[in-house]
Amino acid sequence: MIALGVSTAFGQKPWEKPPGEWTDAETRQILTDSPWAKTVAARVWRRSAGNGSTTLSHPEPFSTVVRWESALPVRLALRKVGLSPTVSADYTRSVVVVVSLPKNRAGQPFKSADSSTKPAAYLTATGSKPFPSLDSMSLEQDDNQPLLAFTFAKTPDLMEPRELRLPFILRRDLKKLRFHATIGDWEIDQEFPSRDMTFMGKPER
């Protein structure tokens, strides 16, 4: 039993521990590879000449990080590494999802070839209709990382679990939250399992 307890303690994920116990590496993990942050391969779509059809023209999709910045563990991790949340919002009523943008060789934000189109994003919970973002904002974090922030209304569809009742009165949350954004000719798509987005026993979005 003692060996099992030690093994369980060492197997804890950063978001299962109090913030005061996070190492620097664990703090960074929460911001880049956690239930609230994923590194995603963004696709680039452009119109083919002549026939007007849409084709994939980017030889290698570039990487971007999609992060739920309204989630408490993300905001705590940002402060721990000396950064500030990108958007000041009422997090009891709003969900903020940010997308990191690539830089060019000069260190400036790399722009989409179709920069005339306003960025658009949707959050879709399993079994629900897509919810469009209320606002989008281009900005830079304190570390000069260019970001695009999308703000959504925090609705019950995003917060409440979609449960499957199993034998012996067990329940399992099967809801997934899908983030989909189009930024000019860039397309970003990522799913986040709702059951994983829990911090200190509470759902965090």
Protein backbone atom coordinates (compact mmCIF):
# COMPACT_ATOMS: atom_id res chain seq x y z
CA MET A 1 0.00 0.00 0.00
CA ILE A 2 2.87 2.38 0.76
CA ALA A 3 4.50 1.68 -2.61
CA LEU A 4 1.16 2.29 -4.34
CA GLY A 5 0.76 5.64 -2.57
CA VAL A 6 4.22 6.80 -3.64
CA SER A 7 3.58 5.70 -7.22
CA THR A 8 0.28 7.61 -7.31
CA ALA A 9 1.89 10.76 -5.94
CA PHE A 10 4.66 10.69 -8.51
CA GLY A 11 2.10 10.04 -11.26
CA GLN A 12 0.12 13.21 -10.54
CA LYS A 13 -0.39 15.58 -13.42
CA PRO A 14 0.41 19.26 -12.81
CA TRP A 15 -3.25 20.31 -12.86
CA GLU A 16 -4.00 17.72 -10.17
CA LYS A 17 -1.67 19.51 -7.73
CA PRO A 18 -1.87 22.87 -5.93
CA PRO A 19 -0.21 25.66 -7.96
CA GLY A 20 2.39 26.16 -5.24
CA GLU A 21 3.80 22.70 -6.09
CA TRP A 22 4.17 23.29 -9.83
CA THR A 23 7.70 23.18 -11.18
CA ASP A 24 8.73 25.56 -13.97
CA ALA A 25 8.38 22.73 -16.51
CA GLU A 26 4.93 21.80 -15.20
CA THR A 27 3.81 25.43 -15.36
CA ARG A 28 4.90 25.64 -19.01
CA GLN A 29 3.12 22.35 -19.70
CA ILE A 30 -0.18 23.81 -18.49
CA LEU A 31 0.25 26.61 -21.03
CA THR A 32 1.13 24.40 -23.99
CA ASP A 33 0.09 20.76 -23.41
CA SER A 34 -2.75 20.31 -20.95
CA PRO A 35 -6.54 19.89 -20.96
CA TRP A 36 -6.78 23.64 -21.70
CA ALA A 37 -3.90 24.08 -24.16
CA LYS A 38 -3.00 22.12 -27.29
CA THR A 39 -0.42 22.55 -30.01
CA VAL A 40 -2.33 22.35 -33.28
CA ALA A 41 -1.29 22.10 -36.93
CA ALA A 42 -3.04 25.01 -38.66
CA ARG A 43 -4.02 24.49 -42.29
CA VAL A 44 -3.81 27.05 -45.07
CA TRP A 45 -6.48 27.06 -47.77
CA ARG A 46 -6.28 29.11 -50.96
CA ARG A 47 -8.28 29.41 -54.15
CA SER A 48 -6.86 27.65 -57.16
CA ALA A 49 -6.38 29.79 -60.23
CA GLY A 50 -9.07 29.37 -62.85
CA ASN A 51 -11.66 26.96 -61.48
CA GLY A 52 -12.40 28.68 -58.16
CA SER A 53 -12.10 25.45 -56.15
CA THR A 54 -10.50 25.39 -52.72
CA THR A 55 -7.25 23.47 -52.39
CA LEU A 56 -4.69 22.95 -49.67
CA SER A 57 -1.69 24.97 -50.73
CA HIS A 58 0.56 25.07 -47.67
CA PRO A 59 3.17 22.27 -48.01
CA GLU A 60 3.56 21.88 -44.24
CA PRO A 61 0.95 23.19 -41.79
CA PHE A 62 2.45 25.54 -39.22
CA SER A 63 2.07 24.95 -35.49
CA THR A 64 -0.02 27.12 -33.23
CA VAL A 65 -1.15 26.86 -29.62
CA VAL A 66 -4.86 27.04 -28.78
CA ARG A 67 -5.36 27.93 -25.11
CA TRP A 68 -8.39 28.51 -22.89
CA GLU A 69 -7.08 31.61 -21.17
CA SER A 70 -10.21 32.08 -19.07
CA ALA A 71 -9.54 28.78 -17.25
CA LEU A 72 -8.16 29.35 -13.74
CA PRO A 73 -5.13 27.00 -14.02
CA VAL A 74 -4.04 28.80 -17.20
CA ARG A 75 -4.32 32.22 -15.57
CA LEU A 76 -2.38 30.97 -12.53
CA ALA A 77 0.31 29.49 -14.78
CA LEU A 78 0.61 32.76 -16.72
CA ARG A 79 1.20 34.71 -13.52
CA LYS A 80 3.72 32.12 -12.35
CA VAL A 81 5.86 32.68 -15.48
CA GLY A 82 5.49 36.45 -15.23
CA LEU A 83 2.83 36.96 -17.92
CA SER A 84 -0.59 38.57 -17.77
CA PRO A 85 -3.86 37.27 -19.24
CA THR A 86 -4.34 38.82 -22.67
CA VAL A 87 -7.94 39.93 -22.12
CA SER A 88 -9.55 41.53 -19.07
CA ALA A 89 -12.97 39.91 -18.81
CA ASP A 90 -15.59 38.74 -16.35
CA TYR A 91 -14.58 35.09 -16.33
CA THR A 92 -17.78 34.09 -14.55
CA ARG A 93 -19.66 35.06 -17.71
CA SER A 94 -17.08 34.74 -20.49
CA VAL A 95 -14.81 32.15 -22.04
CA VAL A 96 -11.63 33.42 -23.68
CA VAL A 97 -9.70 31.23 -26.12
CA VAL A 98 -6.42 32.53 -27.58
CA VAL A 99 -4.51 31.35 -30.64
CA SER A 100 -0.79 32.02 -31.02
CA LEU A 101 0.17 33.47 -34.39
CA PRO A 102 3.38 32.68 -36.29
CA LYS A 103 6.20 35.21 -36.73
CA ASN A 104 8.21 35.99 -39.84
CA ARG A 105 12.00 36.04 -39.97
CA ALA A 106 12.05 39.61 -38.70
CA GLY A 107 10.07 38.56 -35.62
CA GLN A 108 6.91 40.32 -36.77
CA PRO A 109 3.46 38.65 -36.83
CA PHE A 110 3.04 36.68 -40.03
CA LYS A 111 -0.19 37.69 -41.74
CA SER A 112 -2.63 35.52 -43.64
CA ALA A 113 -2.72 36.05 -47.39
CA ASP A 114 -6.44 36.82 -46.99
CA SER A 115 -6.16 39.47 -44.28
CA SER A 116 -9.30 41.28 -45.49
CA THR A 117 -11.58 38.64 -43.97
CA LYS A 118 -12.50 39.16 -40.32
CA PRO A 119 -11.40 36.27 -38.09
CA ALA A 120 -14.25 34.03 -36.94
CA ALA A 121 -14.41 31.28 -34.35
CA TYR A 122 -16.97 28.85 -32.97
CA LEU A 123 -17.22 26.61 -29.92
CA THR A 124 -19.37 23.52 -30.32
CA ALA A 125 -20.29 21.25 -27.43
CA THR A 126 -21.29 17.67 -28.20
CA GLY A 127 -24.98 17.61 -29.09
CA SER A 128 -25.29 21.40 -29.28
CA LYS A 129 -25.23 23.99 -32.02
CA PRO A 130 -22.04 26.02 -32.66
CA PHE A 131 -21.64 29.17 -30.57
CA PRO A 132 -19.95 32.05 -32.43
CA SER A 133 -17.41 34.25 -30.69
CA LEU A 134 -18.69 37.60 -29.47
CA ASP A 135 -15.44 39.37 -30.23
CA SER A 136 -11.91 38.86 -31.55
CA MET A 137 -8.84 40.90 -30.73
CA SER A 138 -5.27 40.89 -32.08
CA LEU A 139 -2.66 41.64 -29.43
CA GLU A 140 0.70 40.63 -28.00
CA GLN A 141 1.42 38.98 -24.68
CA ASP A 142 4.13 40.34 -22.39
CA ASP A 143 6.70 38.05 -24.08
CA ASN A 144 5.96 39.64 -27.51
CA GLN A 145 4.06 36.57 -28.68
CA PRO A 146 1.37 37.71 -31.17
CA LEU A 147 -2.04 36.30 -30.29
CA LEU A 148 -5.61 36.39 -31.46
CA ALA A 149 -8.13 36.27 -28.62
CA PHE A 150 -11.74 35.13 -29.07
CA THR A 151 -14.37 35.81 -26.41
CA PHE A 152 -17.47 33.63 -26.02
CA ALA A 153 -20.46 33.75 -23.70
CA LYS A 154 -20.14 31.16 -20.92
CA THR A 155 -23.32 29.14 -21.44
CA PRO A 156 -24.62 26.01 -19.67
CA ASP A 157 -23.92 24.03 -22.86
CA LEU A 158 -20.22 24.77 -22.44
CA MET A 159 -20.09 24.14 -18.69
CA GLU A 160 -22.45 21.28 -17.90
CA PRO A 161 -21.37 17.66 -18.54
CA ARG A 162 -23.09 15.36 -21.00
CA GLU A 163 -23.24 12.23 -18.90
CA LEU A 164 -23.52 8.57 -19.83
CA ARG A 165 -24.93 6.42 -17.06
CA LEU A 166 -23.01 3.18 -16.63
CA PRO A 167 -23.72 0.13 -14.43
CA PHE A 168 -23.24 0.46 -10.66
CA ILE A 169 -24.39 4.12 -10.79
CA LEU A 170 -21.18 5.23 -12.49
CA ARG A 171 -21.31 8.28 -14.74
CA ARG A 172 -18.98 9.37 -17.49
CA ASP A 173 -18.83 12.79 -19.11
CA LEU A 174 -18.68 12.24 -22.88
CA LYS A 175 -18.88 15.89 -23.89
CA LYS A 176 -16.23 17.33 -26.17
CA LEU A 177 -15.75 21.02 -26.84
CA ARG A 178 -14.64 21.74 -30.37
CA PHE A 179 -12.88 24.99 -31.21
CA HIS A 180 -12.88 25.98 -34.87
CA ALA A 181 -11.43 29.22 -36.22
CA THR A 182 -10.82 30.74 -39.62
CA ILE A 183 -8.24 33.52 -39.75
CA GLY A 184 -8.08 34.67 -43.34
CA ASP A 185 -7.01 31.57 -45.26
CA TRP A 186 -5.87 29.78 -42.09
CA GLU A 187 -8.06 27.13 -40.48
CA ILE A 188 -7.60 25.86 -36.92
CA ASP A 189 -9.59 22.99 -35.44
CA GLN A 190 -9.17 21.24 -32.08
CA GLU A 191 -11.30 19.22 -29.67
CA PHE A 192 -11.06 19.40 -25.88
CA PRO A 193 -12.66 16.57 -23.81
CA SER A 194 -14.82 18.22 -21.16
CA ARG A 195 -14.09 15.54 -18.54
CA ASP A 196 -10.38 16.46 -18.57
CA MET A 197 -10.96 20.19 -18.02
CA THR A 198 -11.17 19.93 -14.23
CA PHE A 199 -8.95 21.73 -11.74
CA MET A 200 -9.00 21.09 -7.98
CA GLY A 201 -12.31 19.22 -8.40
CA LYS A 202 -14.10 21.95 -10.36
CA PRO A 203 -14.81 22.30 -14.10
CA GLU A 204 -12.72 25.08 -15.57
CA ARG A 205 -13.29 26.74 -18.94
